[in-house]
Amino acid sequence: METIKDLLAQKGADIWSVRPETTVFQALSLMSEKNVGAVVVLDDQQKMIGIFSERDYARKTIGAIGSQECPRDLPVKELMTTEVVAIKPETGVETCMALMTKKRFRHLPVMENNALIGIISIGDIVKAVITEKDFLIAKMEQYIWDN
């Protein structure tokens, strides 16, 4: 079974990040530009302190609207998820799929030696699982035709 390290080697380990004071509009603009559903929030020491996703915006904006401030002008620290679950590069793809499904996450940061080395999405996981299943089906079909 493929590991997250294998997946990152294939897809790349680009990490798009913002600072806590970045406005929601700026973060959403970056996410749109890079075609990603989440950005990591880093502090001054480049330590991950949260993750800001499309889901955070969609679900938490309503609560933040109670203030007179326009939601697009709020800093991401007001809406970001702070209890972030991260995985190790040695984690198996199917283990990640089970975790993401159970906890209802769409994005998981990948940490190695306390350093952020990548981020994976549920789309990355589904693509990897489908690719592996297609490979196994092709092998089984070939075995059937050869015997």
N, C-alpha and C. Protein backbone atom coordinates (compact mmCIF):
# COMPACT_ATOMS: atom_id res chain seq x y z
N MET A 1 0.84 -1.19 0.00
CA MET A 1 0.00 0.00 0.00
C MET A 1 0.88 1.24 0.00
N GLU A 2 0.46 2.22 -0.74
CA GLU A 2 1.16 3.48 -0.87
C GLU A 2 1.10 4.27 0.44
N THR A 3 2.18 4.99 0.72
CA THR A 3 2.21 5.85 1.90
C THR A 3 2.03 7.31 1.49
N ILE A 4 1.83 8.15 2.46
CA ILE A 4 1.68 9.58 2.21
C ILE A 4 2.98 10.14 1.63
N LYS A 5 4.11 9.61 2.05
CA LYS A 5 5.40 10.04 1.49
C LYS A 5 5.43 9.78 -0.02
N ASP A 6 4.93 8.62 -0.44
CA ASP A 6 4.85 8.30 -1.87
C ASP A 6 3.92 9.27 -2.59
N LEU A 7 2.79 9.53 -1.96
CA LEU A 7 1.80 10.43 -2.55
C LEU A 7 2.38 11.83 -2.73
N LEU A 8 3.08 12.34 -1.71
CA LEU A 8 3.69 13.67 -1.80
C LEU A 8 4.77 13.72 -2.88
N ALA A 9 5.50 12.61 -3.06
CA ALA A 9 6.53 12.56 -4.10
C ALA A 9 5.89 12.69 -5.48
N GLN A 10 4.71 12.14 -5.65
CA GLN A 10 4.01 12.20 -6.93
C GLN A 10 3.34 13.55 -7.17
N LYS A 11 2.64 14.06 -6.18
CA LYS A 11 1.84 15.27 -6.37
C LYS A 11 2.63 16.55 -6.11
N GLY A 12 3.71 16.43 -5.37
CA GLY A 12 4.47 17.61 -4.98
C GLY A 12 4.11 18.00 -3.56
N ALA A 13 4.97 18.75 -2.95
CA ALA A 13 4.78 19.11 -1.55
C ALA A 13 4.58 20.61 -1.37
N ASP A 14 3.98 21.26 -2.37
CA ASP A 14 3.71 22.69 -2.24
C ASP A 14 2.81 22.93 -1.03
N ILE A 15 3.18 23.94 -0.27
CA ILE A 15 2.39 24.32 0.90
C ILE A 15 2.06 25.80 0.74
N TRP A 16 0.79 26.10 0.70
CA TRP A 16 0.36 27.49 0.61
C TRP A 16 -0.04 27.92 2.00
N SER A 17 0.52 29.03 2.45
CA SER A 17 0.28 29.46 3.82
C SER A 17 -0.04 30.95 3.90
N VAL A 18 -0.63 31.32 5.02
CA VAL A 18 -0.93 32.71 5.33
C VAL A 18 -0.56 32.94 6.79
N ARG A 19 -0.56 34.20 7.17
CA ARG A 19 -0.31 34.56 8.57
C ARG A 19 -1.66 34.79 9.26
N PRO A 20 -1.69 34.75 10.57
CA PRO A 20 -2.97 34.87 11.29
C PRO A 20 -3.72 36.18 11.00
N GLU A 21 -3.00 37.24 10.72
CA GLU A 21 -3.65 38.53 10.47
C GLU A 21 -4.07 38.73 9.01
N THR A 22 -3.74 37.78 8.15
CA THR A 22 -4.19 37.84 6.76
C THR A 22 -5.71 37.90 6.73
N THR A 23 -6.27 38.74 5.88
CA THR A 23 -7.73 38.83 5.83
C THR A 23 -8.31 37.59 5.15
N VAL A 24 -9.54 37.33 5.47
CA VAL A 24 -10.26 36.21 4.85
C VAL A 24 -10.26 36.38 3.34
N PHE A 25 -10.49 37.60 2.86
CA PHE A 25 -10.50 37.83 1.42
C PHE A 25 -9.14 37.50 0.79
N GLN A 26 -8.05 37.91 1.43
CA GLN A 26 -6.71 37.62 0.90
C GLN A 26 -6.46 36.11 0.87
N ALA A 27 -6.87 35.42 1.93
CA ALA A 27 -6.68 33.97 1.99
C ALA A 27 -7.50 33.27 0.91
N LEU A 28 -8.76 33.68 0.76
CA LEU A 28 -9.61 33.08 -0.26
C LEU A 28 -9.07 33.37 -1.66
N SER A 29 -8.52 34.55 -1.86
CA SER A 29 -7.92 34.90 -3.16
C SER A 29 -6.74 33.99 -3.47
N LEU A 30 -5.88 33.75 -2.47
CA LEU A 30 -4.75 32.84 -2.65
C LEU A 30 -5.23 31.43 -2.96
N MET A 31 -6.24 30.98 -2.23
CA MET A 31 -6.78 29.64 -2.45
C MET A 31 -7.35 29.51 -3.86
N SER A 32 -8.00 30.54 -4.33
CA SER A 32 -8.55 30.52 -5.69
C SER A 32 -7.42 30.51 -6.72
N GLU A 33 -6.44 31.34 -6.51
CA GLU A 33 -5.29 31.43 -7.44
C GLU A 33 -4.55 30.10 -7.54
N LYS A 34 -4.37 29.43 -6.42
CA LYS A 34 -3.60 28.18 -6.38
C LYS A 34 -4.49 26.95 -6.56
N ASN A 35 -5.80 27.17 -6.65
CA ASN A 35 -6.77 26.08 -6.83
C ASN A 35 -6.67 25.04 -5.72
N VAL A 36 -6.69 25.53 -4.48
CA VAL A 36 -6.64 24.67 -3.30
C VAL A 36 -7.81 25.01 -2.39
N GLY A 37 -8.18 24.08 -1.54
CA GLY A 37 -9.32 24.27 -0.65
C GLY A 37 -8.96 24.69 0.75
N ALA A 38 -7.65 24.82 1.02
CA ALA A 38 -7.22 25.21 2.37
C ALA A 38 -5.80 25.77 2.32
N VAL A 39 -5.51 26.61 3.30
CA VAL A 39 -4.15 27.11 3.48
C VAL A 39 -3.76 26.91 4.95
N VAL A 40 -2.51 26.70 5.16
CA VAL A 40 -1.99 26.54 6.51
C VAL A 40 -1.73 27.94 7.08
N VAL A 41 -2.00 28.12 8.36
CA VAL A 41 -1.75 29.39 9.03
C VAL A 41 -0.48 29.23 9.87
N LEU A 42 0.53 30.06 9.57
CA LEU A 42 1.83 29.99 10.24
C LEU A 42 2.08 31.24 11.06
N ASP A 43 2.73 31.06 12.22
CA ASP A 43 3.08 32.21 13.06
C ASP A 43 4.42 32.79 12.60
N ASP A 44 4.95 33.72 13.39
CA ASP A 44 6.21 34.40 13.04
C ASP A 44 7.40 33.44 12.95
N GLN A 45 7.34 32.34 13.69
CA GLN A 45 8.43 31.36 13.68
C GLN A 45 8.19 30.25 12.65
N GLN A 46 7.21 30.45 11.77
CA GLN A 46 6.85 29.48 10.74
C GLN A 46 6.30 28.19 11.32
N LYS A 47 5.72 28.29 12.52
CA LYS A 47 5.07 27.15 13.17
C LYS A 47 3.60 27.15 12.78
N MET A 48 3.07 25.97 12.46
CA MET A 48 1.66 25.86 12.11
C MET A 48 0.80 26.09 13.35
N ILE A 49 -0.11 27.06 13.25
CA ILE A 49 -1.00 27.35 14.37
C ILE A 49 -2.47 27.11 14.00
N GLY A 50 -2.70 26.76 12.74
CA GLY A 50 -4.06 26.49 12.32
C GLY A 50 -4.12 26.19 10.83
N ILE A 51 -5.35 25.96 10.38
CA ILE A 51 -5.61 25.76 8.97
C ILE A 51 -6.91 26.50 8.66
N PHE A 52 -6.93 27.15 7.51
CA PHE A 52 -8.11 27.89 7.09
C PHE A 52 -8.60 27.27 5.79
N SER A 53 -9.86 26.84 5.79
CA SER A 53 -10.40 26.14 4.63
C SER A 53 -11.68 26.81 4.14
N GLU A 54 -12.09 26.38 2.96
CA GLU A 54 -13.37 26.84 2.42
C GLU A 54 -14.50 26.51 3.40
N ARG A 55 -14.39 25.39 4.04
CA ARG A 55 -15.41 24.96 5.00
C ARG A 55 -15.43 25.90 6.21
N ASP A 56 -14.26 26.32 6.68
CA ASP A 56 -14.21 27.28 7.78
C ASP A 56 -14.94 28.56 7.39
N TYR A 57 -14.68 29.03 6.19
CA TYR A 57 -15.33 30.25 5.72
C TYR A 57 -16.84 30.07 5.64
N ALA A 58 -17.25 28.99 5.02
CA ALA A 58 -18.69 28.76 4.82
C ALA A 58 -19.44 28.59 6.12
N ARG A 59 -18.85 27.91 7.07
CA ARG A 59 -19.58 27.58 8.30
C ARG A 59 -19.40 28.57 9.44
N LYS A 60 -18.26 29.22 9.49
CA LYS A 60 -17.98 30.09 10.64
C LYS A 60 -18.26 31.56 10.38
N THR A 61 -18.44 31.94 9.14
CA THR A 61 -18.70 33.34 8.82
C THR A 61 -19.98 33.82 9.47
N ILE A 62 -20.99 32.99 9.50
CA ILE A 62 -22.28 33.38 10.08
C ILE A 62 -22.11 33.82 11.53
N GLY A 63 -21.34 33.07 12.31
CA GLY A 63 -21.11 33.44 13.71
C GLY A 63 -20.32 34.72 13.84
N ALA A 64 -19.41 34.95 12.90
CA ALA A 64 -18.58 36.15 12.97
C ALA A 64 -19.31 37.39 12.50
N ILE A 65 -20.40 37.22 11.78
CA ILE A 65 -21.13 38.36 11.24
C ILE A 65 -21.79 39.18 12.34
N GLY A 66 -21.92 38.60 13.53
CA GLY A 66 -22.51 39.33 14.65
C GLY A 66 -21.82 40.66 14.89
N SER A 67 -20.54 40.72 14.55
CA SER A 67 -19.84 42.00 14.67
C SER A 67 -20.21 42.86 13.47
N GLN A 68 -19.85 44.11 13.52
CA GLN A 68 -20.15 45.02 12.42
C GLN A 68 -19.15 44.88 11.28
N GLU A 69 -18.14 44.09 11.49
CA GLU A 69 -17.09 43.93 10.49
C GLU A 69 -17.56 43.05 9.34
N CYS A 70 -17.14 43.39 8.15
CA CYS A 70 -17.45 42.58 6.97
C CYS A 70 -16.64 41.28 7.06
N PRO A 71 -17.26 40.12 6.86
CA PRO A 71 -16.54 38.86 6.98
C PRO A 71 -15.28 38.78 6.12
N ARG A 72 -15.30 39.40 4.95
CA ARG A 72 -14.13 39.33 4.07
C ARG A 72 -12.93 40.07 4.67
N ASP A 73 -13.19 41.01 5.59
CA ASP A 73 -12.13 41.80 6.20
C ASP A 73 -11.63 41.21 7.52
N LEU A 74 -12.27 40.16 7.99
CA LEU A 74 -11.83 39.51 9.23
C LEU A 74 -10.45 38.87 9.02
N PRO A 75 -9.63 38.83 10.06
CA PRO A 75 -8.38 38.07 9.95
C PRO A 75 -8.70 36.57 10.01
N VAL A 76 -7.91 35.76 9.32
CA VAL A 76 -8.19 34.32 9.30
C VAL A 76 -8.14 33.72 10.69
N LYS A 77 -7.40 34.32 11.61
CA LYS A 77 -7.33 33.77 12.97
C LYS A 77 -8.71 33.72 13.63
N GLU A 78 -9.65 34.52 13.15
CA GLU A 78 -11.01 34.53 13.69
C GLU A 78 -11.82 33.31 13.24
N LEU A 79 -11.45 32.72 12.11
CA LEU A 79 -12.25 31.63 11.53
C LEU A 79 -11.49 30.31 11.38
N MET A 80 -10.18 30.35 11.50
CA MET A 80 -9.38 29.14 11.23
C MET A 80 -9.66 28.04 12.24
N THR A 81 -9.36 26.82 11.84
CA THR A 81 -9.41 25.67 12.73
C THR A 81 -8.08 25.62 13.46
N THR A 82 -8.12 25.59 14.78
CA THR A 82 -6.88 25.59 15.56
C THR A 82 -6.48 24.21 16.06
N GLU A 83 -7.44 23.32 16.17
CA GLU A 83 -7.12 21.95 16.60
C GLU A 83 -6.90 21.10 15.36
N VAL A 84 -5.69 21.21 14.83
CA VAL A 84 -5.36 20.56 13.57
C VAL A 84 -4.75 19.19 13.83
N VAL A 85 -5.28 18.19 13.16
CA VAL A 85 -4.73 16.84 13.21
C VAL A 85 -3.74 16.73 12.05
N ALA A 86 -2.55 16.25 12.34
CA ALA A 86 -1.53 16.07 11.31
C ALA A 86 -1.15 14.59 11.24
N ILE A 87 -0.57 14.22 10.12
CA ILE A 87 -0.14 12.84 9.92
C ILE A 87 1.35 12.80 9.61
N LYS A 88 1.92 11.60 9.70
CA LYS A 88 3.33 11.39 9.38
C LYS A 88 3.44 10.87 7.95
N PRO A 89 4.59 11.08 7.32
CA PRO A 89 4.75 10.62 5.94
C PRO A 89 4.64 9.10 5.79
N GLU A 90 4.89 8.36 6.85
CA GLU A 90 4.83 6.90 6.80
C GLU A 90 3.41 6.35 6.86
N THR A 91 2.44 7.22 7.12
CA THR A 91 1.04 6.80 7.22
C THR A 91 0.56 6.26 5.89
N GLY A 92 -0.19 5.19 5.93
CA GLY A 92 -0.74 4.61 4.71
C GLY A 92 -1.90 5.43 4.16
N VAL A 93 -2.07 5.38 2.86
CA VAL A 93 -3.13 6.14 2.20
C VAL A 93 -4.51 5.71 2.71
N GLU A 94 -4.73 4.40 2.83
CA GLU A 94 -6.05 3.95 3.30
C GLU A 94 -6.30 4.33 4.76
N THR A 95 -5.26 4.38 5.57
CA THR A 95 -5.39 4.84 6.96
C THR A 95 -5.83 6.30 6.96
N CYS A 96 -5.23 7.10 6.07
CA CYS A 96 -5.62 8.51 5.97
C CYS A 96 -7.06 8.66 5.51
N MET A 97 -7.46 7.83 4.56
CA MET A 97 -8.84 7.91 4.08
C MET A 97 -9.81 7.60 5.22
N ALA A 98 -9.49 6.60 6.01
CA ALA A 98 -10.35 6.25 7.14
C ALA A 98 -10.40 7.40 8.16
N LEU A 99 -9.26 8.01 8.46
CA LEU A 99 -9.20 9.12 9.40
C LEU A 99 -10.00 10.32 8.88
N MET A 100 -9.80 10.65 7.61
CA MET A 100 -10.49 11.80 7.03
C MET A 100 -12.00 11.58 7.00
N THR A 101 -12.40 10.36 6.73
CA THR A 101 -13.82 10.04 6.70
C THR A 101 -14.42 10.09 8.10
N LYS A 102 -13.74 9.48 9.05
CA LYS A 102 -14.25 9.44 10.43
C LYS A 102 -14.33 10.84 11.04
N LYS A 103 -13.29 11.63 10.86
CA LYS A 103 -13.23 12.95 11.49
C LYS A 103 -13.81 14.06 10.61
N ARG A 104 -14.18 13.71 9.38
CA ARG A 104 -14.77 14.66 8.43
C ARG A 104 -13.82 15.79 8.08
N PHE A 105 -12.54 15.43 7.87
CA PHE A 105 -11.53 16.39 7.42
C PHE A 105 -11.42 16.30 5.91
N ARG A 106 -11.08 17.39 5.29
CA ARG A 106 -10.79 17.38 3.85
C ARG A 106 -9.33 17.63 3.57
N HIS A 107 -8.60 18.11 4.58
CA HIS A 107 -7.18 18.42 4.41
C HIS A 107 -6.41 17.98 5.65
N LEU A 108 -5.24 17.39 5.41
CA LEU A 108 -4.38 16.95 6.51
C LEU A 108 -2.95 17.41 6.26
N PRO A 109 -2.40 18.18 7.19
CA PRO A 109 -0.99 18.53 7.10
C PRO A 109 -0.13 17.28 7.37
N VAL A 110 1.02 17.25 6.74
CA VAL A 110 1.96 16.15 6.92
C VAL A 110 3.18 16.70 7.66
N MET A 111 3.48 16.12 8.82
CA MET A 111 4.58 16.59 9.66
C MET A 111 5.66 15.53 9.78
N GLU A 112 6.90 15.99 9.75
CA GLU A 112 8.05 15.10 9.96
C GLU A 112 9.06 15.85 10.81
N ASN A 113 9.44 15.28 11.95
CA ASN A 113 10.37 15.93 12.88
C ASN A 113 9.92 17.34 13.23
N ASN A 114 8.65 17.48 13.55
CA ASN A 114 8.04 18.76 13.94
C ASN A 114 8.07 19.82 12.84
N ALA A 115 8.30 19.40 11.60
CA ALA A 115 8.31 20.34 10.48
C ALA A 115 7.19 19.97 9.51
N LEU A 116 6.51 20.97 9.01
CA LEU A 116 5.46 20.77 8.02
C LEU A 116 6.11 20.49 6.67
N ILE A 117 5.81 19.32 6.09
CA ILE A 117 6.44 18.95 4.82
C ILE A 117 5.46 18.86 3.67
N GLY A 118 4.18 19.00 3.94
CA GLY A 118 3.19 18.94 2.88
C GLY A 118 1.79 18.95 3.44
N ILE A 119 0.83 18.95 2.54
CA ILE A 119 -0.57 18.87 2.92
C ILE A 119 -1.28 18.03 1.87
N ILE A 120 -2.15 17.16 2.32
CA ILE A 120 -2.90 16.33 1.38
C ILE A 120 -4.38 16.62 1.54
N SER A 121 -5.10 16.40 0.46
CA SER A 121 -6.54 16.61 0.47
C SER A 121 -7.24 15.28 0.26
N ILE A 122 -8.53 15.27 0.52
CA ILE A 122 -9.32 14.06 0.28
C ILE A 122 -9.26 13.70 -1.20
N GLY A 123 -9.19 14.70 -2.06
CA GLY A 123 -9.06 14.44 -3.50
C GLY A 123 -7.78 13.69 -3.83
N ASP A 124 -6.67 14.06 -3.18
CA ASP A 124 -5.40 13.36 -3.37
C ASP A 124 -5.53 11.89 -2.96
N ILE A 125 -6.20 11.68 -1.84
CA ILE A 125 -6.38 10.32 -1.31
C ILE A 125 -7.25 9.49 -2.25
N VAL A 126 -8.37 10.04 -2.67
CA VAL A 126 -9.28 9.31 -3.56
C VAL A 126 -8.56 8.96 -4.86
N LYS A 127 -7.82 9.90 -5.42
CA LYS A 127 -7.07 9.65 -6.65
C LYS A 127 -6.07 8.51 -6.47
N ALA A 128 -5.36 8.50 -5.35
CA ALA A 128 -4.37 7.45 -5.08
C ALA A 128 -5.04 6.08 -4.93
N VAL A 129 -6.16 6.04 -4.23
CA VAL A 129 -6.88 4.77 -4.03
C VAL A 129 -7.42 4.25 -5.36
N ILE A 130 -8.00 5.13 -6.17
CA ILE A 130 -8.52 4.71 -7.47
C ILE A 130 -7.39 4.21 -8.37
N THR A 131 -6.27 4.90 -8.38
CA THR A 131 -5.13 4.48 -9.20
C THR A 131 -4.66 3.10 -8.80
N GLU A 132 -4.57 2.86 -7.48
CA GLU A 132 -4.14 1.53 -7.02
C GLU A 132 -5.16 0.46 -7.38
N LYS A 133 -6.43 0.75 -7.22
CA LYS A 133 -7.46 -0.24 -7.56
C LYS A 133 -7.45 -0.53 -9.06
N ASP A 134 -7.30 0.50 -9.89
CA ASP A 134 -7.22 0.30 -11.35
C ASP A 134 -6.04 -0.59 -11.71
N PHE A 135 -4.91 -0.37 -11.04
CA PHE A 135 -3.72 -1.19 -11.29
C PHE A 135 -3.99 -2.66 -10.93
N LEU A 136 -4.61 -2.88 -9.77
CA LEU A 136 -4.92 -4.25 -9.36
C LEU A 136 -5.91 -4.93 -10.30
N ILE A 137 -6.90 -4.20 -10.76
CA ILE A 137 -7.87 -4.75 -11.70
C ILE A 137 -7.17 -5.13 -13.01
N ALA A 138 -6.31 -4.27 -13.49
CA ALA A 138 -5.58 -4.58 -14.74
C ALA A 138 -4.71 -5.82 -14.57
N LYS A 139 -4.06 -5.95 -13.43
CA LYS A 139 -3.24 -7.14 -13.16
C LYS A 139 -4.10 -8.40 -13.12
N MET A 140 -5.26 -8.32 -12.48
CA MET A 140 -6.15 -9.48 -12.39
C MET A 140 -6.70 -9.86 -13.77
N GLU A 141 -7.05 -8.85 -14.57
CA GLU A 141 -7.53 -9.13 -15.92
C GLU A 141 -6.44 -9.81 -16.75
N GLN A 142 -5.21 -9.31 -16.61
CA GLN A 142 -4.09 -9.91 -17.35
C GLN A 142 -3.87 -11.35 -16.92
N TYR A 143 -3.96 -11.61 -15.63
CA TYR A 143 -3.80 -12.96 -15.11
C TYR A 143 -4.87 -13.88 -15.70
N ILE A 144 -6.11 -13.38 -15.74
CA ILE A 144 -7.20 -14.19 -16.30
C ILE A 144 -6.97 -14.49 -17.78
N TRP A 145 -6.55 -13.52 -18.53
CA TRP A 145 -6.32 -13.71 -19.97
C TRP A 145 -5.13 -14.62 -20.23
N ASP A 146 -4.14 -14.59 -19.34
CA ASP A 146 -2.94 -15.41 -19.52
C ASP A 146 -3.17 -16.88 -19.10
N ASN A 147 -4.21 -17.15 -18.35
CA ASN A 147 -4.44 -18.52 -17.86
C ASN A 147 -5.65 -19.16 -18.45
